[in-house]
Amino acid sequence: MTRKMQNAELSNALKHYQCYKYIAESQFNNDDAFLIFEDDVIFKKSPS
C-alpha cells in the first residue's frame, strides 16, 4: 500500500491479527483447525 490505511481497514487487519495471535499461542494438535469469518458471513449451505 502506498497510502496510509484507513482506520476501518486497519481495524479489520488488527482483528484478524488478534485471531492469528490467539491461534499461535494456543495449545493444539496437528489435526486441529481454526475458522475465521468476518461478520458479514452468510452460510448459503450448511457450514458442515
ModelCIF file with pLDDT and N, C-alpha, C, O atoms, coordinates in Angstrom:
data_MODEL
#
_entry.id   MODEL 
#
_entity.id                         1 
_entity.type                       polymer 
_entity.pdbx_number_of_molecules   1 
#
_entity_poly.entity_id                      1 
_entity_poly.type                           'polypeptide(L)' 
_entity_poly.nstd_linkage                   no 
_entity_poly.nstd_monomer                   no 
_entity_poly.pdbx_seq_one_letter_code       MTRKMQNAELSNALKHYQCYKYIAESQFNNDDAFLIFEDDVIFKKSPS 
_entity_poly.pdbx_seq_one_letter_code_can   MTRKMQNAELSNALKHYQCYKYIAESQFNNDDAFLIFEDDVIFKKSPS 
_entity_poly.pdbx_strand_id                 A 
#
loop_
_entity_poly_seq.entity_id 
_entity_poly_seq.num 
_entity_poly_seq.mon_id 
_entity_poly_seq.hetero 
1 1  MET n 
1 2  THR n 
1 3  ARG n 
1 4  LYS n 
1 5  MET n 
1 6  GLN n 
1 7  ASN n 
1 8  ALA n 
1 9  GLU n 
1 10 LEU n 
1 11 SER n 
1 12 ASN n 
1 13 ALA n 
1 14 LEU n 
1 15 LYS n 
1 16 HIS n 
1 17 TYR n 
1 18 GLN n 
1 19 CYS n 
1 20 TYR n 
1 21 LYS n 
1 22 TYR n 
1 23 ILE n 
1 24 ALA n 
1 25 GLU n 
1 26 SER n 
1 27 GLN n 
1 28 PHE n 
1 29 ASN n 
1 30 ASN n 
1 31 ASP n 
1 32 ASP n 
1 33 ALA n 
1 34 PHE n 
1 35 LEU n 
1 36 ILE n 
1 37 PHE n 
1 38 GLU n 
1 39 ASP n 
1 40 ASP n 
1 41 VAL n 
1 42 ILE n 
1 43 PHE n 
1 44 LYS n 
1 45 LYS n 
1 46 SER n 
1 47 PRO n 
1 48 SER n 
#
_struct_asym.id          A 
_struct_asym.entity_id   1 
#
loop_
_ma_qa_metric.id 
_ma_qa_metric.mode 
_ma_qa_metric.name 
_ma_qa_metric.software_group_id 
_ma_qa_metric.type 
1 global pLDDT . pLDDT 
2 local  pLDDT . pLDDT 
#
_ma_qa_metric_global.metric_id      1 
_ma_qa_metric_global.metric_value   83.73 
_ma_qa_metric_global.model_id       1 
_ma_qa_metric_global.ordinal_id     1 
#
loop_
_ma_qa_metric_local.label_asym_id 
_ma_qa_metric_local.label_comp_id 
_ma_qa_metric_local.label_seq_id 
_ma_qa_metric_local.metric_id 
_ma_qa_metric_local.metric_value 
_ma_qa_metric_local.model_id 
_ma_qa_metric_local.ordinal_id 
A MET 1  2 54.00 1 1  
A THR 2  2 55.00 1 2  
A ARG 3  2 61.00 1 3  
A LYS 4  2 65.00 1 4  
A MET 5  2 70.00 1 5  
A GLN 6  2 79.00 1 6  
A ASN 7  2 84.00 1 7  
A ALA 8  2 89.00 1 8  
A GLU 9  2 84.00 1 9  
A LEU 10 2 84.00 1 10 
A SER 11 2 91.00 1 11 
A ASN 12 2 91.00 1 12 
A ALA 13 2 87.00 1 13 
A LEU 14 2 91.00 1 14 
A LYS 15 2 93.00 1 15 
A HIS 16 2 91.00 1 16 
A TYR 17 2 90.00 1 17 
A GLN 18 2 92.00 1 18 
A CYS 19 2 92.00 1 19 
A TYR 20 2 90.00 1 20 
A LYS 21 2 90.00 1 21 
A TYR 22 2 91.00 1 22 
A ILE 23 2 89.00 1 23 
A ALA 24 2 87.00 1 24 
A GLU 25 2 89.00 1 25 
A SER 26 2 84.00 1 26 
A GLN 27 2 84.00 1 27 
A PHE 28 2 79.00 1 28 
A ASN 29 2 79.00 1 29 
A ASN 30 2 73.00 1 30 
A ASP 31 2 73.00 1 31 
A ASP 32 2 79.00 1 32 
A ALA 33 2 81.00 1 33 
A PHE 34 2 88.00 1 34 
A LEU 35 2 89.00 1 35 
A ILE 36 2 92.00 1 36 
A PHE 37 2 91.00 1 37 
A GLU 38 2 91.00 1 38 
A ASP 39 2 92.00 1 39 
A ASP 40 2 92.00 1 40 
A VAL 41 2 90.00 1 41 
A ILE 42 2 88.00 1 42 
A PHE 43 2 84.00 1 43 
A LYS 44 2 80.00 1 44 
A LYS 45 2 81.00 1 45 
A SER 46 2 84.00 1 46 
A PRO 47 2 83.00 1 47 
A SER 48 2 83.00 1 48 
#
loop_
_atom_site.group_PDB 
_atom_site.id 
_atom_site.type_symbol 
_atom_site.label_atom_id 
_atom_site.label_alt_id 
_atom_site.label_comp_id 
_atom_site.label_asym_id 
_atom_site.label_entity_id 
_atom_site.label_seq_id 
_atom_site.pdbx_PDB_ins_code 
_atom_site.Cartn_x 
_atom_site.Cartn_y 
_atom_site.Cartn_z 
_atom_site.occupancy 
_atom_site.B_iso_or_equiv 
_atom_site.pdbx_formal_charge 
_atom_site.auth_seq_id 
_atom_site.auth_comp_id 
_atom_site.auth_asym_id 
_atom_site.auth_atom_id 
_atom_site.pdbx_PDB_model_num 
ATOM 1   N N  . MET A 1 1  ? 0.850   -1.182  0.000  1.00 54.00 ? 1  MET A N  1 
ATOM 2   C CA . MET A 1 1  ? 0.000   0.000   0.000  1.00 54.00 ? 1  MET A CA 1 
ATOM 3   C C  . MET A 1 1  ? 0.891   1.240   0.000  1.00 54.00 ? 1  MET A C  1 
ATOM 4   O O  . MET A 1 1  ? 1.900   1.295   0.703  1.00 54.00 ? 1  MET A O  1 
ATOM 5   N N  . THR A 1 2  ? 0.515   2.197   -0.772 1.00 55.00 ? 2  THR A N  1 
ATOM 6   C CA . THR A 1 2  ? 1.313   3.419   -0.877 1.00 55.00 ? 2  THR A CA 1 
ATOM 7   C C  . THR A 1 2  ? 0.615   4.593   -0.202 1.00 55.00 ? 2  THR A C  1 
ATOM 8   O O  . THR A 1 2  ? 0.989   5.748   -0.405 1.00 55.00 ? 2  THR A O  1 
ATOM 9   N N  . ARG A 1 3  ? -0.368  4.298   0.574  1.00 61.00 ? 3  ARG A N  1 
ATOM 10  C CA . ARG A 1 3  ? -1.077  5.338   1.317  1.00 61.00 ? 3  ARG A CA 1 
ATOM 11  C C  . ARG A 1 3  ? -1.282  4.870   2.746  1.00 61.00 ? 3  ARG A C  1 
ATOM 12  O O  . ARG A 1 3  ? -1.162  3.684   3.053  1.00 61.00 ? 3  ARG A O  1 
ATOM 13  N N  . LYS A 1 4  ? -1.588  5.806   3.600  1.00 65.00 ? 4  LYS A N  1 
ATOM 14  C CA . LYS A 1 4  ? -1.912  5.435   4.970  1.00 65.00 ? 4  LYS A CA 1 
ATOM 15  C C  . LYS A 1 4  ? -3.238  4.671   4.954  1.00 65.00 ? 4  LYS A C  1 
ATOM 16  O O  . LYS A 1 4  ? -4.195  5.073   4.292  1.00 65.00 ? 4  LYS A O  1 
ATOM 17  N N  . MET A 1 5  ? -3.271  3.578   5.688  1.00 70.00 ? 5  MET A N  1 
ATOM 18  C CA . MET A 1 5  ? -4.502  2.791   5.753  1.00 70.00 ? 5  MET A CA 1 
ATOM 19  C C  . MET A 1 5  ? -5.591  3.582   6.461  1.00 70.00 ? 5  MET A C  1 
ATOM 20  O O  . MET A 1 5  ? -5.320  4.339   7.393  1.00 70.00 ? 5  MET A O  1 
ATOM 21  N N  . GLN A 1 6  ? -6.810  3.398   6.014  1.00 79.00 ? 6  GLN A N  1 
ATOM 22  C CA . GLN A 1 6  ? -7.938  3.991   6.709  1.00 79.00 ? 6  GLN A CA 1 
ATOM 23  C C  . GLN A 1 6  ? -8.147  3.221   8.011  1.00 79.00 ? 6  GLN A C  1 
ATOM 24  O O  . GLN A 1 6  ? -7.796  2.045   8.111  1.00 79.00 ? 6  GLN A O  1 
ATOM 25  N N  . ASN A 1 7  ? -8.716  3.892   8.995  1.00 84.00 ? 7  ASN A N  1 
ATOM 26  C CA . ASN A 1 7  ? -8.920  3.238   10.291 1.00 84.00 ? 7  ASN A CA 1 
ATOM 27  C C  . ASN A 1 7  ? -9.781  1.988   10.186 1.00 84.00 ? 7  ASN A C  1 
ATOM 28  O O  . ASN A 1 7  ? -9.550  1.022   10.913 1.00 84.00 ? 7  ASN A O  1 
ATOM 29  N N  . ALA A 1 8  ? -10.763 1.987   9.301  1.00 89.00 ? 8  ALA A N  1 
ATOM 30  C CA . ALA A 1 8  ? -11.606 0.800   9.132  1.00 89.00 ? 8  ALA A CA 1 
ATOM 31  C C  . ALA A 1 8  ? -10.783 -0.368  8.585  1.00 89.00 ? 8  ALA A C  1 
ATOM 32  O O  . ALA A 1 8  ? -10.968 -1.509  9.008  1.00 89.00 ? 8  ALA A O  1 
ATOM 33  N N  . GLU A 1 9  ? -9.878  -0.088  7.649  1.00 84.00 ? 9  GLU A N  1 
ATOM 34  C CA . GLU A 1 9  ? -9.021  -1.142  7.104  1.00 84.00 ? 9  GLU A CA 1 
ATOM 35  C C  . GLU A 1 9  ? -8.078  -1.680  8.171  1.00 84.00 ? 9  GLU A C  1 
ATOM 36  O O  . GLU A 1 9  ? -7.911  -2.891  8.313  1.00 84.00 ? 9  GLU A O  1 
ATOM 37  N N  . LEU A 1 10 ? -7.469  -0.778  8.912  1.00 84.00 ? 10 LEU A N  1 
ATOM 38  C CA . LEU A 1 10 ? -6.546  -1.202  9.955  1.00 84.00 ? 10 LEU A CA 1 
ATOM 39  C C  . LEU A 1 10 ? -7.291  -1.965  11.051 1.00 84.00 ? 10 LEU A C  1 
ATOM 40  O O  . LEU A 1 10 ? -6.777  -2.946  11.590 1.00 84.00 ? 10 LEU A O  1 
ATOM 41  N N  . SER A 1 11 ? -8.487  -1.517  11.374 1.00 91.00 ? 11 SER A N  1 
ATOM 42  C CA . SER A 1 11 ? -9.301  -2.211  12.369 1.00 91.00 ? 11 SER A CA 1 
ATOM 43  C C  . SER A 1 11 ? -9.514  -3.666  11.954 1.00 91.00 ? 11 SER A C  1 
ATOM 44  O O  . SER A 1 11 ? -9.311  -4.581  12.752 1.00 91.00 ? 11 SER A O  1 
ATOM 45  N N  . ASN A 1 12 ? -9.918  -3.870  10.725 1.00 91.00 ? 12 ASN A N  1 
ATOM 46  C CA . ASN A 1 12 ? -10.155 -5.226  10.236 1.00 91.00 ? 12 ASN A CA 1 
ATOM 47  C C  . ASN A 1 12 ? -8.876  -6.052  10.275 1.00 91.00 ? 12 ASN A C  1 
ATOM 48  O O  . ASN A 1 12 ? -8.900  -7.209  10.695 1.00 91.00 ? 12 ASN A O  1 
ATOM 49  N N  . ALA A 1 13 ? -7.760  -5.472  9.843  1.00 87.00 ? 13 ALA A N  1 
ATOM 50  C CA . ALA A 1 13 ? -6.478  -6.192  9.846  1.00 87.00 ? 13 ALA A CA 1 
ATOM 51  C C  . ALA A 1 13 ? -6.066  -6.563  11.267 1.00 87.00 ? 13 ALA A C  1 
ATOM 52  O O  . ALA A 1 13 ? -5.580  -7.670  11.499 1.00 87.00 ? 13 ALA A O  1 
ATOM 53  N N  . LEU A 1 14 ? -6.255  -5.655  12.215 1.00 91.00 ? 14 LEU A N  1 
ATOM 54  C CA . LEU A 1 14 ? -5.856  -5.925  13.597 1.00 91.00 ? 14 LEU A CA 1 
ATOM 55  C C  . LEU A 1 14 ? -6.743  -6.979  14.249 1.00 91.00 ? 14 LEU A C  1 
ATOM 56  O O  . LEU A 1 14 ? -6.276  -7.757  15.081 1.00 91.00 ? 14 LEU A O  1 
ATOM 57  N N  . LYS A 1 15 ? -8.003  -7.006  13.881 1.00 93.00 ? 15 LYS A N  1 
ATOM 58  C CA . LYS A 1 15 ? -8.891  -8.044  14.406 1.00 93.00 ? 15 LYS A CA 1 
ATOM 59  C C  . LYS A 1 15 ? -8.456  -9.419  13.890 1.00 93.00 ? 15 LYS A C  1 
ATOM 60  O O  . LYS A 1 15 ? -8.462  -10.398 14.637 1.00 93.00 ? 15 LYS A O  1 
ATOM 61  N N  . HIS A 1 16 ? -8.082  -9.485  12.617 1.00 91.00 ? 16 HIS A N  1 
ATOM 62  C CA . HIS A 1 16 ? -7.561  -10.743 12.073 1.00 91.00 ? 16 HIS A CA 1 
ATOM 63  C C  . HIS A 1 16 ? -6.249  -11.105 12.772 1.00 91.00 ? 16 HIS A C  1 
ATOM 64  O O  . HIS A 1 16 ? -6.022  -12.262 13.125 1.00 91.00 ? 16 HIS A O  1 
ATOM 65  N N  . TYR A 1 17 ? -5.403  -10.116 12.963 1.00 90.00 ? 17 TYR A N  1 
ATOM 66  C CA . TYR A 1 17 ? -4.131  -10.340 13.658 1.00 90.00 ? 17 TYR A CA 1 
ATOM 67  C C  . TYR A 1 17 ? -4.382  -10.929 15.047 1.00 90.00 ? 17 TYR A C  1 
ATOM 68  O O  . TYR A 1 17 ? -3.675  -11.839 15.479 1.00 90.00 ? 17 TYR A O  1 
ATOM 69  N N  . GLN A 1 18 ? -5.389  -10.404 15.738 1.00 92.00 ? 18 GLN A N  1 
ATOM 70  C CA . GLN A 1 18 ? -5.721  -10.906 17.076 1.00 92.00 ? 18 GLN A CA 1 
ATOM 71  C C  . GLN A 1 18 ? -6.112  -12.383 17.004 1.00 92.00 ? 18 GLN A C  1 
ATOM 72  O O  . GLN A 1 18 ? -5.747  -13.157 17.888 1.00 92.00 ? 18 GLN A O  1 
ATOM 73  N N  . CYS A 1 19 ? -6.846  -12.782 15.968 1.00 92.00 ? 19 CYS A N  1 
ATOM 74  C CA . CYS A 1 19 ? -7.193  -14.202 15.789 1.00 92.00 ? 19 CYS A CA 1 
ATOM 75  C C  . CYS A 1 19 ? -5.938  -15.040 15.594 1.00 92.00 ? 19 CYS A C  1 
ATOM 76  O O  . CYS A 1 19 ? -5.770  -16.076 16.237 1.00 92.00 ? 19 CYS A O  1 
ATOM 77  N N  . TYR A 1 20 ? -5.048  -14.586 14.697 1.00 90.00 ? 20 TYR A N  1 
ATOM 78  C CA . TYR A 1 20 ? -3.829  -15.347 14.409 1.00 90.00 ? 20 TYR A CA 1 
ATOM 79  C C  . TYR A 1 20 ? -2.951  -15.447 15.650 1.00 90.00 ? 20 TYR A C  1 
ATOM 80  O O  . TYR A 1 20 ? -2.330  -16.480 15.900 1.00 90.00 ? 20 TYR A O  1 
ATOM 81  N N  . LYS A 1 21 ? -2.905  -14.386 16.411 1.00 90.00 ? 21 LYS A N  1 
ATOM 82  C CA . LYS A 1 21 ? -2.099  -14.400 17.634 1.00 90.00 ? 21 LYS A CA 1 
ATOM 83  C C  . LYS A 1 21 ? -2.660  -15.423 18.623 1.00 90.00 ? 21 LYS A C  1 
ATOM 84  O O  . LYS A 1 21 ? -1.909  -16.187 19.229 1.00 90.00 ? 21 LYS A O  1 
ATOM 85  N N  . TYR A 1 22 ? -3.975  -15.431 18.782 1.00 91.00 ? 22 TYR A N  1 
ATOM 86  C CA . TYR A 1 22 ? -4.610  -16.411 19.674 1.00 91.00 ? 22 TYR A CA 1 
ATOM 87  C C  . TYR A 1 22 ? -4.268  -17.829 19.219 1.00 91.00 ? 22 TYR A C  1 
ATOM 88  O O  . TYR A 1 22 ? -3.908  -18.683 20.030 1.00 91.00 ? 22 TYR A O  1 
ATOM 89  N N  . ILE A 1 23 ? -4.386  -18.067 17.921 1.00 89.00 ? 23 ILE A N  1 
ATOM 90  C CA . ILE A 1 23 ? -4.101  -19.399 17.378 1.00 89.00 ? 23 ILE A CA 1 
ATOM 91  C C  . ILE A 1 23 ? -2.652  -19.775 17.631 1.00 89.00 ? 23 ILE A C  1 
ATOM 92  O O  . ILE A 1 23 ? -2.362  -20.886 18.073 1.00 89.00 ? 23 ILE A O  1 
ATOM 93  N N  . ALA A 1 24 ? -1.739  -18.849 17.351 1.00 87.00 ? 24 ALA A N  1 
ATOM 94  C CA . ALA A 1 24 ? -0.304  -19.130 17.514 1.00 87.00 ? 24 ALA A CA 1 
ATOM 95  C C  . ALA A 1 24 ? 0.044   -19.448 18.964 1.00 87.00 ? 24 ALA A C  1 
ATOM 96  O O  . ALA A 1 24 ? 0.950   -20.238 19.227 1.00 87.00 ? 24 ALA A O  1 
ATOM 97  N N  . GLU A 1 25 ? -0.665  -18.842 19.894 1.00 89.00 ? 25 GLU A N  1 
ATOM 98  C CA . GLU A 1 25 ? -0.373  -19.041 21.311 1.00 89.00 ? 25 GLU A CA 1 
ATOM 99  C C  . GLU A 1 25 ? -1.162  -20.192 21.924 1.00 89.00 ? 25 GLU A C  1 
ATOM 100 O O  . GLU A 1 25 ? -0.984  -20.494 23.104 1.00 89.00 ? 25 GLU A O  1 
ATOM 101 N N  . SER A 1 26 ? -2.028  -20.841 21.150 1.00 84.00 ? 26 SER A N  1 
ATOM 102 C CA . SER A 1 26 ? -2.870  -21.920 21.649 1.00 84.00 ? 26 SER A CA 1 
ATOM 103 C C  . SER A 1 26 ? -2.122  -23.245 21.646 1.00 84.00 ? 26 SER A C  1 
ATOM 104 O O  . SER A 1 26 ? -1.183  -23.460 20.880 1.00 84.00 ? 26 SER A O  1 
ATOM 105 N N  . GLN A 1 27 ? -2.569  -24.113 22.520 1.00 84.00 ? 27 GLN A N  1 
ATOM 106 C CA . GLN A 1 27 ? -2.105  -25.498 22.503 1.00 84.00 ? 27 GLN A CA 1 
ATOM 107 C C  . GLN A 1 27 ? -3.070  -26.273 21.620 1.00 84.00 ? 27 GLN A C  1 
ATOM 108 O O  . GLN A 1 27 ? -4.269  -26.324 21.895 1.00 84.00 ? 27 GLN A O  1 
ATOM 109 N N  . PHE A 1 28 ? -2.548  -26.873 20.561 1.00 79.00 ? 28 PHE A N  1 
ATOM 110 C CA . PHE A 1 28 ? -3.428  -27.621 19.691 1.00 79.00 ? 28 PHE A CA 1 
ATOM 111 C C  . PHE A 1 28 ? -2.672  -28.760 19.020 1.00 79.00 ? 28 PHE A C  1 
ATOM 112 O O  . PHE A 1 28 ? -1.442  -28.770 18.964 1.00 79.00 ? 28 PHE A O  1 
ATOM 113 N N  . ASN A 1 29 ? -3.438  -29.715 18.516 1.00 79.00 ? 29 ASN A N  1 
ATOM 114 C CA . ASN A 1 29 ? -2.878  -30.873 17.814 1.00 79.00 ? 29 ASN A CA 1 
ATOM 115 C C  . ASN A 1 29 ? -2.720  -30.540 16.339 1.00 79.00 ? 29 ASN A C  1 
ATOM 116 O O  . ASN A 1 29 ? -3.317  -29.588 15.836 1.00 79.00 ? 29 ASN A O  1 
ATOM 117 N N  . ASN A 1 30 ? -1.914  -31.328 15.658 1.00 73.00 ? 30 ASN A N  1 
ATOM 118 C CA . ASN A 1 30 ? -1.678  -31.088 14.235 1.00 73.00 ? 30 ASN A CA 1 
ATOM 119 C C  . ASN A 1 30 ? -2.942  -31.176 13.395 1.00 73.00 ? 30 ASN A C  1 
ATOM 120 O O  . ASN A 1 30 ? -3.028  -30.552 12.337 1.00 73.00 ? 30 ASN A O  1 
ATOM 121 N N  . ASP A 1 31 ? -3.927  -31.945 13.855 1.00 73.00 ? 31 ASP A N  1 
ATOM 122 C CA . ASP A 1 31 ? -5.153  -32.065 13.071 1.00 73.00 ? 31 ASP A CA 1 
ATOM 123 C C  . ASP A 1 31 ? -6.219  -31.041 13.474 1.00 73.00 ? 31 ASP A C  1 
ATOM 124 O O  . ASP A 1 31 ? -7.326  -31.066 12.937 1.00 73.00 ? 31 ASP A O  1 
ATOM 125 N N  . ASP A 1 32 ? -5.902  -30.147 14.405 1.00 79.00 ? 32 ASP A N  1 
ATOM 126 C CA . ASP A 1 32 ? -6.830  -29.084 14.792 1.00 79.00 ? 32 ASP A CA 1 
ATOM 127 C C  . ASP A 1 32 ? -6.806  -27.965 13.753 1.00 79.00 ? 32 ASP A C  1 
ATOM 128 O O  . ASP A 1 32 ? -5.787  -27.700 13.117 1.00 79.00 ? 32 ASP A O  1 
ATOM 129 N N  . ALA A 1 33 ? -7.939  -27.333 13.607 1.00 81.00 ? 33 ALA A N  1 
ATOM 130 C CA . ALA A 1 33 ? -8.055  -26.192 12.694 1.00 81.00 ? 33 ALA A CA 1 
ATOM 131 C C  . ALA A 1 33 ? -8.880  -25.107 13.376 1.00 81.00 ? 33 ALA A C  1 
ATOM 132 O O  . ALA A 1 33 ? -9.621  -25.372 14.322 1.00 81.00 ? 33 ALA A O  1 
ATOM 133 N N  . PHE A 1 34 ? -8.741  -23.909 12.890 1.00 88.00 ? 34 PHE A N  1 
ATOM 134 C CA . PHE A 1 34 ? -9.497  -22.772 13.396 1.00 88.00 ? 34 PHE A CA 1 
ATOM 135 C C  . PHE A 1 34 ? -10.172 -22.104 12.208 1.00 88.00 ? 34 PHE A C  1 
ATOM 136 O O  . PHE A 1 34 ? -9.628  -22.085 11.103 1.00 88.00 ? 34 PHE A O  1 
ATOM 137 N N  . LEU A 1 35 ? -11.349 -21.561 12.438 1.00 89.00 ? 35 LEU A N  1 
ATOM 138 C CA . LEU A 1 35 ? -12.061 -20.835 11.393 1.00 89.00 ? 35 LEU A CA 1 
ATOM 139 C C  . LEU A 1 35 ? -12.129 -19.362 11.764 1.00 89.00 ? 35 LEU A C  1 
ATOM 140 O O  . LEU A 1 35 ? -12.341 -19.009 12.924 1.00 89.00 ? 35 LEU A O  1 
ATOM 141 N N  . ILE A 1 36 ? -11.948 -18.516 10.774 1.00 92.00 ? 36 ILE A N  1 
ATOM 142 C CA . ILE A 1 36 ? -12.070 -17.068 10.971 1.00 92.00 ? 36 ILE A CA 1 
ATOM 143 C C  . ILE A 1 36 ? -13.027 -16.554 9.903  1.00 92.00 ? 36 ILE A C  1 
ATOM 144 O O  . ILE A 1 36 ? -12.793 -16.720 8.706  1.00 92.00 ? 36 ILE A O  1 
ATOM 145 N N  . PHE A 1 37 ? -14.109 -15.928 10.358 1.00 91.00 ? 37 PHE A N  1 
ATOM 146 C CA . PHE A 1 37 ? -15.088 -15.333 9.457  1.00 91.00 ? 37 PHE A CA 1 
ATOM 147 C C  . PHE A 1 37 ? -15.223 -13.852 9.791  1.00 91.00 ? 37 PHE A C  1 
ATOM 148 O O  . PHE A 1 37 ? -15.002 -13.435 10.928 1.00 91.00 ? 37 PHE A O  1 
ATOM 149 N N  . GLU A 1 38 ? -15.585 -13.077 8.797  1.00 91.00 ? 38 GLU A N  1 
ATOM 150 C CA . GLU A 1 38 ? -15.953 -11.692 9.067  1.00 91.00 ? 38 GLU A CA 1 
ATOM 151 C C  . GLU A 1 38 ? -17.438 -11.658 9.385  1.00 91.00 ? 38 GLU A C  1 
ATOM 152 O O  . GLU A 1 38 ? -18.163 -12.613 9.107  1.00 91.00 ? 38 GLU A O  1 
ATOM 153 N N  . ASP A 1 39 ? -17.882 -10.562 9.965  1.00 92.00 ? 39 ASP A N  1 
ATOM 154 C CA . ASP A 1 39 ? -19.245 -10.520 10.491 1.00 92.00 ? 39 ASP A CA 1 
ATOM 155 C C  . ASP A 1 39 ? -20.336 -10.416 9.430  1.00 92.00 ? 39 ASP A C  1 
ATOM 156 O O  . ASP A 1 39 ? -21.520 -10.393 9.763  1.00 92.00 ? 39 ASP A O  1 
ATOM 157 N N  . ASP A 1 40 ? -19.953 -10.352 8.168  1.00 92.00 ? 40 ASP A N  1 
ATOM 158 C CA . ASP A 1 40 ? -20.965 -10.329 7.116  1.00 92.00 ? 40 ASP A CA 1 
ATOM 159 C C  . ASP A 1 40 ? -21.137 -11.691 6.453  1.00 92.00 ? 40 ASP A C  1 
ATOM 160 O O  . ASP A 1 40 ? -21.764 -11.797 5.398  1.00 92.00 ? 40 ASP A O  1 
ATOM 161 N N  . VAL A 1 41 ? -20.580 -12.734 7.070  1.00 90.00 ? 41 VAL A N  1 
ATOM 162 C CA . VAL A 1 41 ? -20.700 -14.079 6.510  1.00 90.00 ? 41 VAL A CA 1 
ATOM 163 C C  . VAL A 1 41 ? -22.159 -14.535 6.544  1.00 90.00 ? 41 VAL A C  1 
ATOM 164 O O  . VAL A 1 41 ? -22.875 -14.337 7.526  1.00 90.00 ? 41 VAL A O  1 
ATOM 165 N N  . ILE A 1 42 ? -22.562 -15.142 5.451  1.00 88.00 ? 42 ILE A N  1 
ATOM 166 C CA . ILE A 1 42 ? -23.890 -15.754 5.365  1.00 88.00 ? 42 ILE A CA 1 
ATOM 167 C C  . ILE A 1 42 ? -23.667 -17.154 4.816  1.00 88.00 ? 42 ILE A C  1 
ATOM 168 O O  . ILE A 1 42 ? -23.163 -17.312 3.704  1.00 88.00 ? 42 ILE A O  1 
ATOM 169 N N  . PHE A 1 43 ? -24.029 -18.146 5.568  1.00 84.00 ? 43 PHE A N  1 
ATOM 170 C CA . PHE A 1 43 ? -23.855 -19.522 5.137  1.00 84.00 ? 43 PHE A CA 1 
ATOM 171 C C  . PHE A 1 43 ? -24.973 -19.879 4.165  1.00 84.00 ? 43 PHE A C  1 
ATOM 172 O O  . PHE A 1 43 ? -26.136 -19.999 4.551  1.00 84.00 ? 43 PHE A O  1 
ATOM 173 N N  . LYS A 1 44 ? -24.599 -20.049 2.895  1.00 80.00 ? 44 LYS A N  1 
ATOM 174 C CA . LYS A 1 44 ? -25.583 -20.399 1.869  1.00 80.00 ? 44 LYS A CA 1 
ATOM 175 C C  . LYS A 1 44 ? -25.974 -21.863 1.973  1.00 80.00 ? 44 LYS A C  1 
ATOM 176 O O  . LYS A 1 44 ? -27.075 -22.259 1.590  1.00 80.00 ? 44 LYS A O  1 
ATOM 177 N N  . LYS A 1 45 ? -25.055 -22.655 2.496  1.00 81.00 ? 45 LYS A N  1 
ATOM 178 C CA . LYS A 1 45 ? -25.296 -24.078 2.748  1.00 81.00 ? 45 LYS A CA 1 
ATOM 179 C C  . LYS A 1 45 ? -24.830 -24.346 4.166  1.00 81.00 ? 45 LYS A C  1 
ATOM 180 O O  . LYS A 1 45 ? -24.264 -23.463 4.811  1.00 81.00 ? 45 LYS A O  1 
ATOM 181 N N  . SER A 1 46 ? -25.055 -25.519 4.645  1.00 84.00 ? 46 SER A N  1 
ATOM 182 C CA . SER A 1 46 ? -24.640 -25.860 5.998  1.00 84.00 ? 46 SER A CA 1 
ATOM 183 C C  . SER A 1 46 ? -23.133 -25.650 6.168  1.00 84.00 ? 46 SER A C  1 
ATOM 184 O O  . SER A 1 46 ? -22.350 -26.075 5.319  1.00 84.00 ? 46 SER A O  1 
ATOM 185 N N  . PRO A 1 47 ? -22.728 -25.001 7.255  1.00 83.00 ? 47 PRO A N  1 
ATOM 186 C CA . PRO A 1 47 ? -21.292 -24.806 7.495  1.00 83.00 ? 47 PRO A CA 1 
ATOM 187 C C  . PRO A 1 47 ? -20.527 -26.115 7.644  1.00 83.00 ? 47 PRO A C  1 
ATOM 188 O O  . PRO A 1 47 ? -19.298 -26.116 7.585  1.00 83.00 ? 47 PRO A O  1 
ATOM 189 N N  . SER A 1 48 ? -21.225 -27.219 7.836  1.00 83.00 ? 48 SER A N  1 
ATOM 190 C CA . SER A 1 48 ? -20.526 -28.502 7.947  1.00 83.00 ? 48 SER A CA 1 
ATOM 191 C C  . SER A 1 48 ? -19.811 -28.854 6.650  1.00 83.00 ? 48 SER A C  1 
ATOM 192 O O  . SER A 1 48 ? -19.171 -29.901 6.562  1.00 83.00 ? 48 SER A O  1 
#
